[in-house]
PDB file of N, CA and C in Angstrom:
ATOM      1  N   UNK A   1      74.851 121.501   8.386  1.00  0.00           N
ATOM      2  CA  UNK A   1      75.006 122.725   9.144  1.00  0.00           C
ATOM      3  C   UNK A   1      76.363 123.330   8.804  1.00  0.00           C
ATOM      4  N   UNK A   2      76.359 124.582   8.417  1.00  0.00           N
ATOM      5  CA  UNK A   2      77.632 125.206   8.096  1.00  0.00           C
ATOM      6  C   UNK A   2      78.285 125.777   9.357  1.00  0.00           C
ATOM      7  N   UNK A   3      79.490 126.325   9.191  1.00  0.00           N
ATOM      8  CA  UNK A   3      80.274 126.789  10.330  1.00  0.00           C
ATOM      9  C   UNK A   3      79.610 127.955  11.050  1.00  0.00           C
ATOM     10  N   UNK A   4      78.974 128.831  10.304  1.00  0.00           N
ATOM     11  CA  UNK A   4      78.349 130.015  10.909  1.00  0.00           C
ATOM     12  C   UNK A   4      77.191 129.609  11.821  1.00  0.00           C
ATOM     13  N   UNK A   5      76.356 128.696  11.351  1.00  0.00           N
ATOM     14  CA  UNK A   5      75.235 128.239  12.170  1.00  0.00           C
ATOM     15  C   UNK A   5      75.715 127.482  13.399  1.00  0.00           C
ATOM     16  N   UNK A   6      76.777 126.701  13.259  1.00  0.00           N
ATOM     17  CA  UNK A   6      77.326 125.979  14.397  1.00  0.00           C
ATOM     18  C   UNK A   6      77.882 126.955  15.438  1.00  0.00           C
ATOM     19  N   UNK A   7      78.540 128.020  14.981  1.00  0.00           N
ATOM     20  CA  UNK A   7      79.059 129.035  15.890  1.00  0.00           C
ATOM     21  C   UNK A   7      77.928 129.731  16.634  1.00  0.00           C
ATOM     22  N   UNK A   8      76.875 130.110  15.914  1.00  0.00           N
ATOM     23  CA  UNK A   8      75.745 130.793  16.541  1.00  0.00           C
ATOM     24  C   UNK A   8      75.021 129.875  17.524  1.00  0.00           C
ATOM     25  N   UNK A   9      74.910 128.593  17.189  1.00  0.00           N
ATOM     26  CA  UNK A   9      74.283 127.649  18.104  1.00  0.00           C
ATOM     27  C   UNK A   9      75.074 127.544  19.398  1.00  0.00           C
ATOM     28  N   UNK A  10      76.389 127.466  19.290  1.00  0.00           N
ATOM     29  CA  UNK A  10      77.205 127.358  20.504  1.00  0.00           C
ATOM     30  C   UNK A  10      77.160 128.644  21.323  1.00  0.00           C
ATOM     31  N   UNK A  11      77.058 129.800  20.655  1.00  0.00           N
ATOM     32  CA  UNK A  11      76.921 131.058  21.389  1.00  0.00           C
ATOM     33  C   UNK A  11      75.583 131.132  22.118  1.00  0.00           C
ATOM     34  N   UNK A  12      74.513 130.659  21.472  1.00  0.00           N
ATOM     35  CA  UNK A  12      73.200 130.651  22.120  1.00  0.00           C
ATOM     36  C   UNK A  12      73.217 129.744  23.343  1.00  0.00           C
ATOM     37  N   UNK A  13      73.798 128.561  23.203  1.00  0.00           N
ATOM     38  CA  UNK A  13      73.871 127.619  24.321  1.00  0.00           C
ATOM     39  C   UNK A  13      74.671 128.223  25.468  1.00  0.00           C
ATOM     40  N   UNK A  14      75.783 128.893  25.168  1.00  0.00           N
ATOM     41  CA  UNK A  14      76.593 129.526  26.212  1.00  0.00           C
ATOM     42  C   UNK A  14      75.836 130.651  26.901  1.00  0.00           C
ATOM     43  N   UNK A  15      75.102 131.442  26.130  1.00  0.00           N
ATOM     44  CA  UNK A  15      74.337 132.535  26.712  1.00  0.00           C
ATOM     45  C   UNK A  15      73.239 132.006  27.631  1.00  0.00           C
ATOM     46  N   UNK A  16      72.552 130.965  27.202  1.00  0.00           N
ATOM     47  CA  UNK A  16      71.495 130.376  28.027  1.00  0.00           C
ATOM     48  C   UNK A  16      72.087 129.764  29.288  1.00  0.00           C
ATOM     49  N   UNK A  17      73.228 129.125  29.158  1.00  0.00           N
ATOM     50  CA  UNK A  17      73.856 128.451  30.289  1.00  0.00           C
ATOM     51  C   UNK A  17      74.394 129.437  31.320  1.00  0.00           C
ATOM     52  N   UNK A  18      75.061 130.499  30.852  1.00  0.00           N
ATOM     53  CA  UNK A  18      75.741 131.425  31.760  1.00  0.00           C
ATOM     54  C   UNK A  18      74.983 132.725  32.012  1.00  0.00           C
ATOM     55  N   UNK A  19      74.088 133.099  31.113  1.00  0.00           N
ATOM     56  CA  UNK A  19      73.329 134.337  31.291  1.00  0.00           C
ATOM     57  C   UNK A  19      74.018 135.575  30.769  1.00  0.00           C
ATOM     58  N   UNK A  20      75.312 135.477  30.476  1.00  0.00           N
ATOM     59  CA  UNK A  20      76.096 136.641  30.032  1.00  0.00           C
ATOM     60  C   UNK A  20      77.365 136.128  29.371  1.00  0.00           C
ATOM     61  N   UNK A  21      77.668 136.615  28.156  1.00  0.00           N
ATOM     62  CA  UNK A  21      78.900 136.216  27.484  1.00  0.00           C
ATOM     63  C   UNK A  21      79.546 137.429  26.828  1.00  0.00           C
ATOM     64  N   UNK A  22      80.835 137.323  26.574  1.00  0.00           N
ATOM     65  CA  UNK A  22      81.583 138.360  25.872  1.00  0.00           C
ATOM     66  C   UNK A  22      81.949 137.823  24.496  1.00  0.00           C
ATOM     67  N   UNK A  23      81.648 138.611  23.463  1.00  0.00           N
ATOM     68  CA  UNK A  23      81.927 138.212  22.088  1.00  0.00           C
ATOM     69  C   UNK A  23      82.140 139.483  21.265  1.00  0.00           C
ATOM     70  N   UNK A  24      82.345 139.327  19.968  1.00  0.00           N
ATOM     71  CA  UNK A  24      82.495 140.518  19.144  1.00  0.00           C
ATOM     72  C   UNK A  24      81.143 141.196  18.970  1.00  0.00           C
ATOM     73  N   UNK A  25      81.175 142.462  18.663  1.00  0.00           N
ATOM     74  CA  UNK A  25      79.956 143.255  18.560  1.00  0.00           C
ATOM     75  C   UNK A  25      79.024 142.721  17.469  1.00  0.00           C
ATOM     76  N   UNK A  26      79.579 142.353  16.337  1.00  0.00           N
ATOM     77  CA  UNK A  26      78.768 141.846  15.235  1.00  0.00           C
ATOM     78  C   UNK A  26      78.071 140.549  15.600  1.00  0.00           C
ATOM     79  N   UNK A  27      78.797 139.622  16.230  1.00  0.00           N
ATOM     80  CA  UNK A  27      78.196 138.360  16.647  1.00  0.00           C
ATOM     81  C   UNK A  27      77.111 138.599  17.691  1.00  0.00           C
ATOM     82  N   UNK A  28      77.327 139.546  18.583  1.00  0.00           N
ATOM     83  CA  UNK A  28      76.339 139.841  19.624  1.00  0.00           C
ATOM     84  C   UNK A  28      75.049 140.377  19.023  1.00  0.00           C
ATOM     85  N   UNK A  29      75.155 141.206  18.002  1.00  0.00           N
ATOM     86  CA  UNK A  29      73.956 141.766  17.374  1.00  0.00           C
ATOM     87  C   UNK A  29      73.157 140.696  16.642  1.00  0.00           C
ATOM     88  N   UNK A  30      73.833 139.760  15.992  1.00  0.00           N
ATOM     89  CA  UNK A  30      73.142 138.663  15.318  1.00  0.00           C
ATOM     90  C   UNK A  30      72.528 137.727  16.360  1.00  0.00           C
ATOM     91  N   UNK A  31      73.280 137.470  17.413  1.00  0.00           N
ATOM     92  CA  UNK A  31      72.832 136.582  18.476  1.00  0.00           C
ATOM     93  C   UNK A  31      71.576 137.113  19.164  1.00  0.00           C
ATOM     94  N   UNK A  32      71.497 138.425  19.311  1.00  0.00           N
ATOM     95  CA  UNK A  32      70.341 139.035  19.966  1.00  0.00           C
ATOM     96  C   UNK A  32      69.038 138.674  19.267  1.00  0.00           C
ATOM     97  N   UNK A  33      69.007 138.778  17.950  1.00  0.00           N
ATOM     98  CA  UNK A  33      67.767 138.496  17.224  1.00  0.00           C
ATOM     99  C   UNK A  33      67.363 137.031  17.359  1.00  0.00           C
ATOM    100  N   UNK A  34      68.345 136.133  17.306  1.00  0.00           N
ATOM    101  CA  UNK A  34      68.038 134.711  17.397  1.00  0.00           C
ATOM    102  C   UNK A  34      67.526 134.324  18.781  1.00  0.00           C
ATOM    103  N   UNK A  35      68.175 134.839  19.821  1.00  0.00           N
ATOM    104  CA  UNK A  35      67.790 134.499  21.187  1.00  0.00           C
ATOM    105  C   UNK A  35      66.406 135.057  21.509  1.00  0.00           C
ATOM    106  N   UNK A  36      66.131 136.253  21.054  1.00  0.00           N
ATOM    107  CA  UNK A  36      64.835 136.856  21.368  1.00  0.00           C
ATOM    108  C   UNK A  36      63.695 136.098  20.690  1.00  0.00           C
ATOM    109  N   UNK A  37      63.921 135.568  19.500  1.00  0.00           N
ATOM    110  CA  UNK A  37      62.900 134.753  18.846  1.00  0.00           C
ATOM    111  C   UNK A  37      62.657 133.458  19.617  1.00  0.00           C
ATOM    112  N   UNK A  38      63.727 132.862  20.145  1.00  0.00           N
ATOM    113  CA  UNK A  38      63.575 131.632  20.916  1.00  0.00           C
ATOM    114  C   UNK A  38      62.821 131.886  22.217  1.00  0.00           C
ATOM    115  N   UNK A  39      63.100 132.999  22.875  1.00  0.00           N
ATOM    116  CA  UNK A  39      62.407 133.322  24.119  1.00  0.00           C
ATOM    117  C   UNK A  39      60.932 133.580  23.852  1.00  0.00           C
ATOM    118  N   UNK A  40      60.625 134.239  22.750  1.00  0.00           N
ATOM    119  CA  UNK A  40      59.227 134.495  22.397  1.00  0.00           C
ATOM    120  C   UNK A  40      58.497 133.176  22.160  1.00  0.00           C
ATOM    121  N   UNK A  41      59.147 132.223  21.493  1.00  0.00           N
ATOM    122  CA  UNK A  41      58.538 130.899  21.312  1.00  0.00           C
ATOM    123  C   UNK A  41      58.347 130.207  22.657  1.00  0.00           C
ATOM    124  N   UNK A  42      59.309 130.375  23.539  1.00  0.00           N
ATOM    125  CA  UNK A  42      59.276 129.713  24.838  1.00  0.00           C
ATOM    126  C   UNK A  42      58.231 130.260  25.776  1.00  0.00           C
ATOM    127  N   UNK A  43      57.720 131.449  25.499  1.00  0.00           N
ATOM    128  CA  UNK A  43      56.709 132.042  26.369  1.00  0.00           C
ATOM    129  C   UNK A  43      55.411 131.242  26.357  1.00  0.00           C
ATOM    130  N   UNK A  44      55.195 130.409  25.351  1.00  0.00           N
ATOM    131  CA  UNK A  44      54.004 129.560  25.311  1.00  0.00           C
ATOM    132  C   UNK A  44      54.046 128.528  26.436  1.00  0.00           C
ATOM    133  N   UNK A  45      55.234 128.044  26.756  1.00  0.00           N
ATOM    134  CA  UNK A  45      55.408 127.120  27.869  1.00  0.00           C
ATOM    135  C   UNK A  45      54.933 125.700  27.610  1.00  0.00           C
ATOM    136  N   UNK A  46      54.695 125.347  26.382  1.00  0.00           N
ATOM    137  CA  UNK A  46      54.164 124.018  26.067  1.00  0.00           C
ATOM    138  C   UNK A  46      55.284 123.051  25.694  1.00  0.00           C
ATOM    139  N   UNK A  47      54.911 121.796  25.586  1.00  0.00           N
ATOM    140  CA  UNK A  47      55.853 120.766  25.141  1.00  0.00           C
ATOM    141  C   UNK A  47      56.254 121.034  23.694  1.00  0.00           C
ATOM    142  N   UNK A  48      55.310 121.508  22.908  1.00  0.00           N
ATOM    143  CA  UNK A  48      55.611 121.824  21.519  1.00  0.00           C
ATOM    144  C   UNK A  48      56.660 122.938  21.425  1.00  0.00           C
ATOM    145  N   UNK A  49      56.587 123.913  22.318  1.00  0.00           N
ATOM    146  CA  UNK A  49      57.583 124.984  22.321  1.00  0.00           C
ATOM    147  C   UNK A  49      58.971 124.426  22.621  1.00  0.00           C
ATOM    148  N   UNK A  50      59.047 123.506  23.566  1.00  0.00           N
ATOM    149  CA  UNK A  50      60.337 122.879  23.891  1.00  0.00           C
ATOM    150  C   UNK A  50      60.875 122.132  22.672  1.00  0.00           C
ATOM    151  N   UNK A  51      60.002 121.425  21.970  1.00  0.00           N
ATOM    152  CA  UNK A  51      60.440 120.664  20.787  1.00  0.00           C
ATOM    153  C   UNK A  51      60.917 121.584  19.677  1.00  0.00           C
ATOM    154  N   UNK A  52      60.206 122.689  19.450  1.00  0.00           N
ATOM    155  CA  UNK A  52      60.616 123.630  18.399  1.00  0.00           C
ATOM    156  C   UNK A  52      61.965 124.264  18.719  1.00  0.00           C
ATOM    157  N   UNK A  53      62.160 124.651  19.966  1.00  0.00           N
ATOM    158  CA  UNK A  53      63.420 125.275  20.358  1.00  0.00           C
ATOM    159  C   UNK A  53      64.547 124.247  20.365  1.00  0.00           C
ATOM    160  N   UNK A  54      64.247 123.013  20.787  1.00  0.00           N
ATOM    161  CA  UNK A  54      65.266 121.964  20.850  1.00  0.00           C
ATOM    162  C   UNK A  54      65.815 121.607  19.483  1.00  0.00           C
ATOM    163  N   UNK A  55      65.035 121.833  18.428  1.00  0.00           N
ATOM    164  CA  UNK A  55      65.544 121.565  17.076  1.00  0.00           C
ATOM    165  C   UNK A  55      66.754 122.432  16.760  1.00  0.00           C
ATOM    166  N   UNK A  56      66.786 123.635  17.307  1.00  0.00           N
ATOM    167  CA  UNK A  56      67.881 124.536  16.958  1.00  0.00           C
ATOM    168  C   UNK A  56      68.984 124.603  18.006  1.00  0.00           C
ATOM    169  N   UNK A  57      68.683 124.362  19.293  1.00  0.00           N
ATOM    170  CA  UNK A  57      69.726 124.529  20.309  1.00  0.00           C
ATOM    171  C   UNK A  57      69.915 123.354  21.248  1.00  0.00           C
ATOM    172  N   UNK A  58      69.131 122.309  21.123  1.00  0.00           N
ATOM    173  CA  UNK A  58      69.286 121.154  21.994  1.00  0.00           C
ATOM    174  C   UNK A  58      68.285 121.153  23.135  1.00  0.00           C
ATOM    175  N   UNK A  59      68.142 119.991  23.762  1.00  0.00           N
ATOM    176  CA  UNK A  59      67.107 119.797  24.772  1.00  0.00           C
ATOM    177  C   UNK A  59      67.417 120.554  26.054  1.00  0.00           C
ATOM    178  N   UNK A  60      68.667 120.537  26.515  1.00  0.00           N
ATOM    179  CA  UNK A  60      69.019 121.220  27.760  1.00  0.00           C
ATOM    180  C   UNK A  60      68.701 122.708  27.681  1.00  0.00           C
ATOM    181  N   UNK A  61      69.169 123.349  26.623  1.00  0.00           N
ATOM    182  CA  UNK A  61      68.926 124.784  26.471  1.00  0.00           C
ATOM    183  C   UNK A  61      67.453 125.087  26.263  1.00  0.00           C
ATOM    184  N   UNK A  62      66.755 124.220  25.542  1.00  0.00           N
ATOM    185  CA  UNK A  62      65.335 124.442  25.276  1.00  0.00           C
ATOM    186  C   UNK A  62      64.531 124.396  26.566  1.00  0.00           C
ATOM    187  N   UNK A  63      64.796 123.404  27.404  1.00  0.00           N
ATOM    188  CA  UNK A  63      64.046 123.324  28.652  1.00  0.00           C
ATOM    189  C   UNK A  63      64.381 124.478  29.578  1.00  0.00           C
ATOM    190  N   UNK A  64      65.627 124.917  29.580  1.00  0.00           N
ATOM    191  CA  UNK A  64      65.999 126.061  30.420  1.00  0.00           C
ATOM    192  C   UNK A  64      65.320 127.336  29.925  1.00  0.00           C
ATOM    193  N   UNK A  65      65.232 127.508  28.613  1.00  0.00           N
ATOM    194  CA  UNK A  65      64.556 128.687  28.061  1.00  0.00           C
ATOM    195  C   UNK A  65      63.082 128.680  28.452  1.00  0.00           C
ATOM    196  N   UNK A  66      62.417 127.545  28.280  1.00  0.00           N
ATOM    197  CA  UNK A  66      60.967 127.483  28.519  1.00  0.00           C
ATOM    198  C   UNK A  66      60.640 127.537  30.008  1.00  0.00           C
ATOM    199  N   UNK A  67      61.407 126.843  30.849  1.00  0.00           N
ATOM    200  CA  UNK A  67      61.055 126.727  32.262  1.00  0.00           C
ATOM    201  C   UNK A  67      61.607 127.848  33.136  1.00  0.00           C
ATOM    202  N   UNK A  68      62.780 128.436  32.792  1.00  0.00           N
ATOM    203  CA  UNK A  68      63.396 129.424  33.661  1.00  0.00           C
ATOM    204  C   UNK A  68      63.439 130.831  33.067  1.00  0.00           C
ATOM    205  N   UNK A  69      63.832 130.951  31.803  1.00  0.00           N
ATOM    206  CA  UNK A  69      64.084 132.275  31.233  1.00  0.00           C
ATOM    207  C   UNK A  69      62.805 132.943  30.743  1.00  0.00           C
ATOM    208  N   UNK A  70      62.004 132.233  29.943  1.00  0.00           N
ATOM    209  CA  UNK A  70      60.787 132.825  29.371  1.00  0.00           C
ATOM    210  C   UNK A  70      59.768 133.299  30.404  1.00  0.00           C
ATOM    211  N   UNK A  71      59.541 132.580  31.517  1.00  0.00           N
ATOM    212  CA  UNK A  71      58.562 133.083  32.488  1.00  0.00           C
ATOM    213  C   UNK A  71      58.915 134.448  33.082  1.00  0.00           C
ATOM    214  N   UNK A  72      60.189 134.799  33.111  1.00  0.00           N
ATOM    215  CA  UNK A  72      60.592 136.123  33.618  1.00  0.00           C
ATOM    216  C   UNK A  72      60.060 137.250  32.739  1.00  0.00           C
ATOM    217  N   UNK A  73      59.836 136.951  31.458  1.00  0.00           N
ATOM    218  CA  UNK A  73      59.475 137.985  30.490  1.00  0.00           C
ATOM    219  C   UNK A  73      58.030 137.860  30.013  1.00  0.00           C
ATOM    220  N   UNK A  74      57.143 137.279  30.826  1.00  0.00           N
ATOM    221  CA  UNK A  74      55.739 137.103  30.423  1.00  0.00           C
ATOM    222  C   UNK A  74      55.063 138.436  30.092  1.00  0.00           C
ATOM    223  N   UNK A  75      55.378 139.479  30.840  1.00  0.00           N
ATOM    224  CA  UNK A  75      54.716 140.774  30.654  1.00  0.00           C
ATOM    225  C   UNK A  75      55.469 141.680  29.686  1.00  0.00           C
ATOM    226  N   UNK A  76      56.551 141.215  29.126  1.00  0.00           N
ATOM    227  CA  UNK A  76      57.401 142.037  28.269  1.00  0.00           C
ATOM    228  C   UNK A  76      57.218 141.638  26.809  1.00  0.00           C
ATOM    229  N   UNK A  77      57.183 142.615  25.914  1.00  0.00           N
ATOM    230  CA  UNK A  77      56.950 142.342  24.495  1.00  0.00           C
ATOM    231  C   UNK A  77      58.219 142.437  23.659  1.00  0.00           C
ATOM    232  N   UNK A  78      59.314 141.993  24.158  1.00  0.00           N
ATOM    233  CA  UNK A  78      60.567 142.037  23.418  1.00  0.00           C
ATOM    234  C   UNK A  78      61.632 142.752  24.223  1.00  0.00           C
ATOM    235  N   UNK A  79      62.836 142.794  23.693  1.00  0.00           N
ATOM    236  CA  UNK A  79      63.932 143.450  24.393  1.00  0.00           C
ATOM    237  C   UNK A  79      64.379 142.657  25.598  1.00  0.00           C
ATOM    238  N   UNK A  80      64.627 141.363  25.408  1.00  0.00           N
ATOM    239  CA  UNK A  80      64.995 140.497  26.522  1.00  0.00           C
ATOM    240  C   UNK A  80      66.494 140.510  26.792  1.00  0.00           C
ATOM    241  N   UNK A  81      67.283 141.001  25.835  1.00  0.00           N
ATOM    242  CA  UNK A  81      68.735 140.990  25.986  1.00  0.00           C
ATOM    243  C   UNK A  81      69.288 142.408  25.871  1.00  0.00           C
ATOM    244  N   UNK A  82      70.488 142.572  26.396  1.00  0.00           N
ATOM    245  CA  UNK A  82      71.177 143.860  26.344  1.00  0.00           C
ATOM    246  C   UNK A  82      72.571 143.628  25.775  1.00  0.00           C
ATOM    247  N   UNK A  83      72.966 144.453  24.810  1.00  0.00           N
ATOM    248  CA  UNK A  83      74.312 144.395  24.243  1.00  0.00           C
ATOM    249  C   UNK A  83      75.042 145.650  24.688  1.00  0.00           C
ATOM    250  N   UNK A  84      76.135 145.471  25.435  1.00  0.00           N
ATOM    251  CA  UNK A  84      76.929 146.577  25.941  1.00  0.00           C
ATOM    252  C   UNK A  84      78.306 146.529  25.297  1.00  0.00           C
ATOM    253  N   UNK A  85      78.699 147.622  24.674  1.00  0.00           N
ATOM    254  CA  UNK A  85      80.004 147.667  24.025  1.00  0.00           C
ATOM    255  C   UNK A  85      81.091 147.849  25.079  1.00  0.00           C
ATOM    256  N   UNK A  86      82.221 147.139  24.877  1.00  0.00           N
ATOM    257  CA  UNK A  86      83.363 147.264  25.770  1.00  0.00           C
ATOM    258  C   UNK A  86      84.603 147.578  24.932  1.00  0.00           C
ATOM    259  N   UNK A  87      85.763 147.577  25.563  1.00  0.00           N
ATOM    260  CA  UNK A  87      87.007 147.919  24.862  1.00  0.00           C
ATOM    261  C   UNK A  87      87.303 146.945  23.725  1.00  0.00           C
ATOM    262  N   UNK A  88      88.101 147.416  22.770  1.00  0.00           N
ATOM    263  CA  UNK A  88      88.495 146.567  21.656  1.00  0.00           C
ATOM    264  C   UNK A  88      89.490 145.508  22.129  1.00  0.00           C
ATOM    265  N   UNK A  89      89.520 144.404  21.410  1.00  0.00           N
ATOM    266  CA  UNK A  89      90.447 143.323  21.726  1.00  0.00           C
ATOM    267  C   UNK A  89      91.852 143.747  21.310  1.00  0.00           C
ATOM    268  N   UNK A  90      92.835 143.496  22.149  1.00  0.00           N
ATOM    269  CA  UNK A  90      94.198 143.950  21.884  1.00  0.00           C
ATOM    270  C   UNK A  90      94.841 143.244  20.698  1.00  0.00           C
ATOM    271  N   UNK A  91      94.594 141.962  20.531  1.00  0.00           N
ATOM    272  CA  UNK A  91      95.306 141.196  19.514  1.00  0.00           C
ATOM    273  C   UNK A  91      94.968 141.625  18.094  1.00  0.00           C
ATOM    274  N   UNK A  92      93.675 141.878  17.802  1.00  0.00           N
ATOM    275  CA  UNK A  92      93.299 142.217  16.432  1.00  0.00           C
ATOM    276  C   UNK A  92      92.403 143.453  16.349  1.00  0.00           C
ATOM    277  N   UNK A  93      92.250 144.164  17.439  1.00  0.00           N
ATOM    278  CA  UNK A  93      91.456 145.401  17.503  1.00  0.00           C
ATOM    279  C   UNK A  93      89.995 145.203  17.101  1.00  0.00           C
ATOM    280  N   UNK A  94      89.466 144.026  17.373  1.00  0.00           N
ATOM    281  CA  UNK A  94      88.052 143.763  17.097  1.00  0.00           C
ATOM    282  C   UNK A  94      87.196 144.437  18.164  1.00  0.00           C
ATOM    283  N   UNK A  95      86.067 145.007  17.741  1.00  0.00           N
ATOM    284  CA  UNK A  95      85.167 145.642  18.695  1.00  0.00           C
ATOM    285  C   UNK A  95      84.440 144.550  19.476  1.00  0.00           C
ATOM    286  N   UNK A  96      84.502 144.627  20.793  1.00  0.00           N
ATOM    287  CA  UNK A  96      83.939 143.607  21.659  1.00  0.00           C
ATOM    288  C   UNK A  96      82.666 144.119  22.326  1.00  0.00           C
ATOM    289  N   UNK A  97      81.820 143.180  22.744  1.00  0.00           N
ATOM    290  CA  UNK A  97      80.566 143.519  23.405  1.00  0.00           C
ATOM    291  C   UNK A  97      80.198 142.412  24.379  1.00  0.00           C
ATOM    292  N   UNK A  98      79.404 142.775  25.374  1.00  0.00           N
ATOM    293  CA  UNK A  98      78.858 141.825  26.321  1.00  0.00           C
ATOM    294  C   UNK A  98      77.364 141.719  26.037  1.00  0.00           C
ATOM    295  N   UNK A  99      76.868 140.503  25.886  1.00  0.00           N
ATOM    296  CA  UNK A  99      75.431 140.294  25.707  1.00  0.00           C
ATOM    297  C   UNK A  99      74.927 139.548  26.924  1.00  0.00           C
ATOM    298  N   UNK A 100      73.800 140.036  27.480  1.00  0.00           N
ATOM    299  CA  UNK A 100      73.258 139.455  28.702  1.00  0.00           C
ATOM    300  C   UNK A 100      71.744 139.592  28.704  1.00  0.00           C
ATOM    301  N   UNK A 101      71.103 138.784  29.551  1.00  0.00           N
ATOM    302  CA  UNK A 101      69.661 138.909  29.724  1.00  0.00           C
ATOM    303  C   UNK A 101      69.382 140.055  30.671  1.00  0.00           C
ATOM    304  N   UNK A 102      68.279 140.772  30.404  1.00  0.00           N
ATOM    305  CA  UNK A 102      67.917 141.899  31.264  1.00  0.00           C
ATOM    306  C   UNK A 102      67.189 141.381  32.478  1.00  0.00           C
TER     307      UNK A 102
END
């Protein structure tokens, strides 16, 4: 696993755990696509779905996605997250964003 995948995995776990995180705009946009694919897999609600999701983010996050997050979006066909742009970071002027579940 390279550094980029490890960073994205930790961001996904944080988002699932807290429901809302602040990160750079670019990371938030990449994170959105990954999280939405996991939620779509989790909508099946099966043990196999938990196993598939657990391969990429771990058992705790996988069970939370399948049992708590995915059932909220049963009637929705995508667009499970929202990326809101906020002020730039003072130290390096990076564009920041908040990503959260709708």
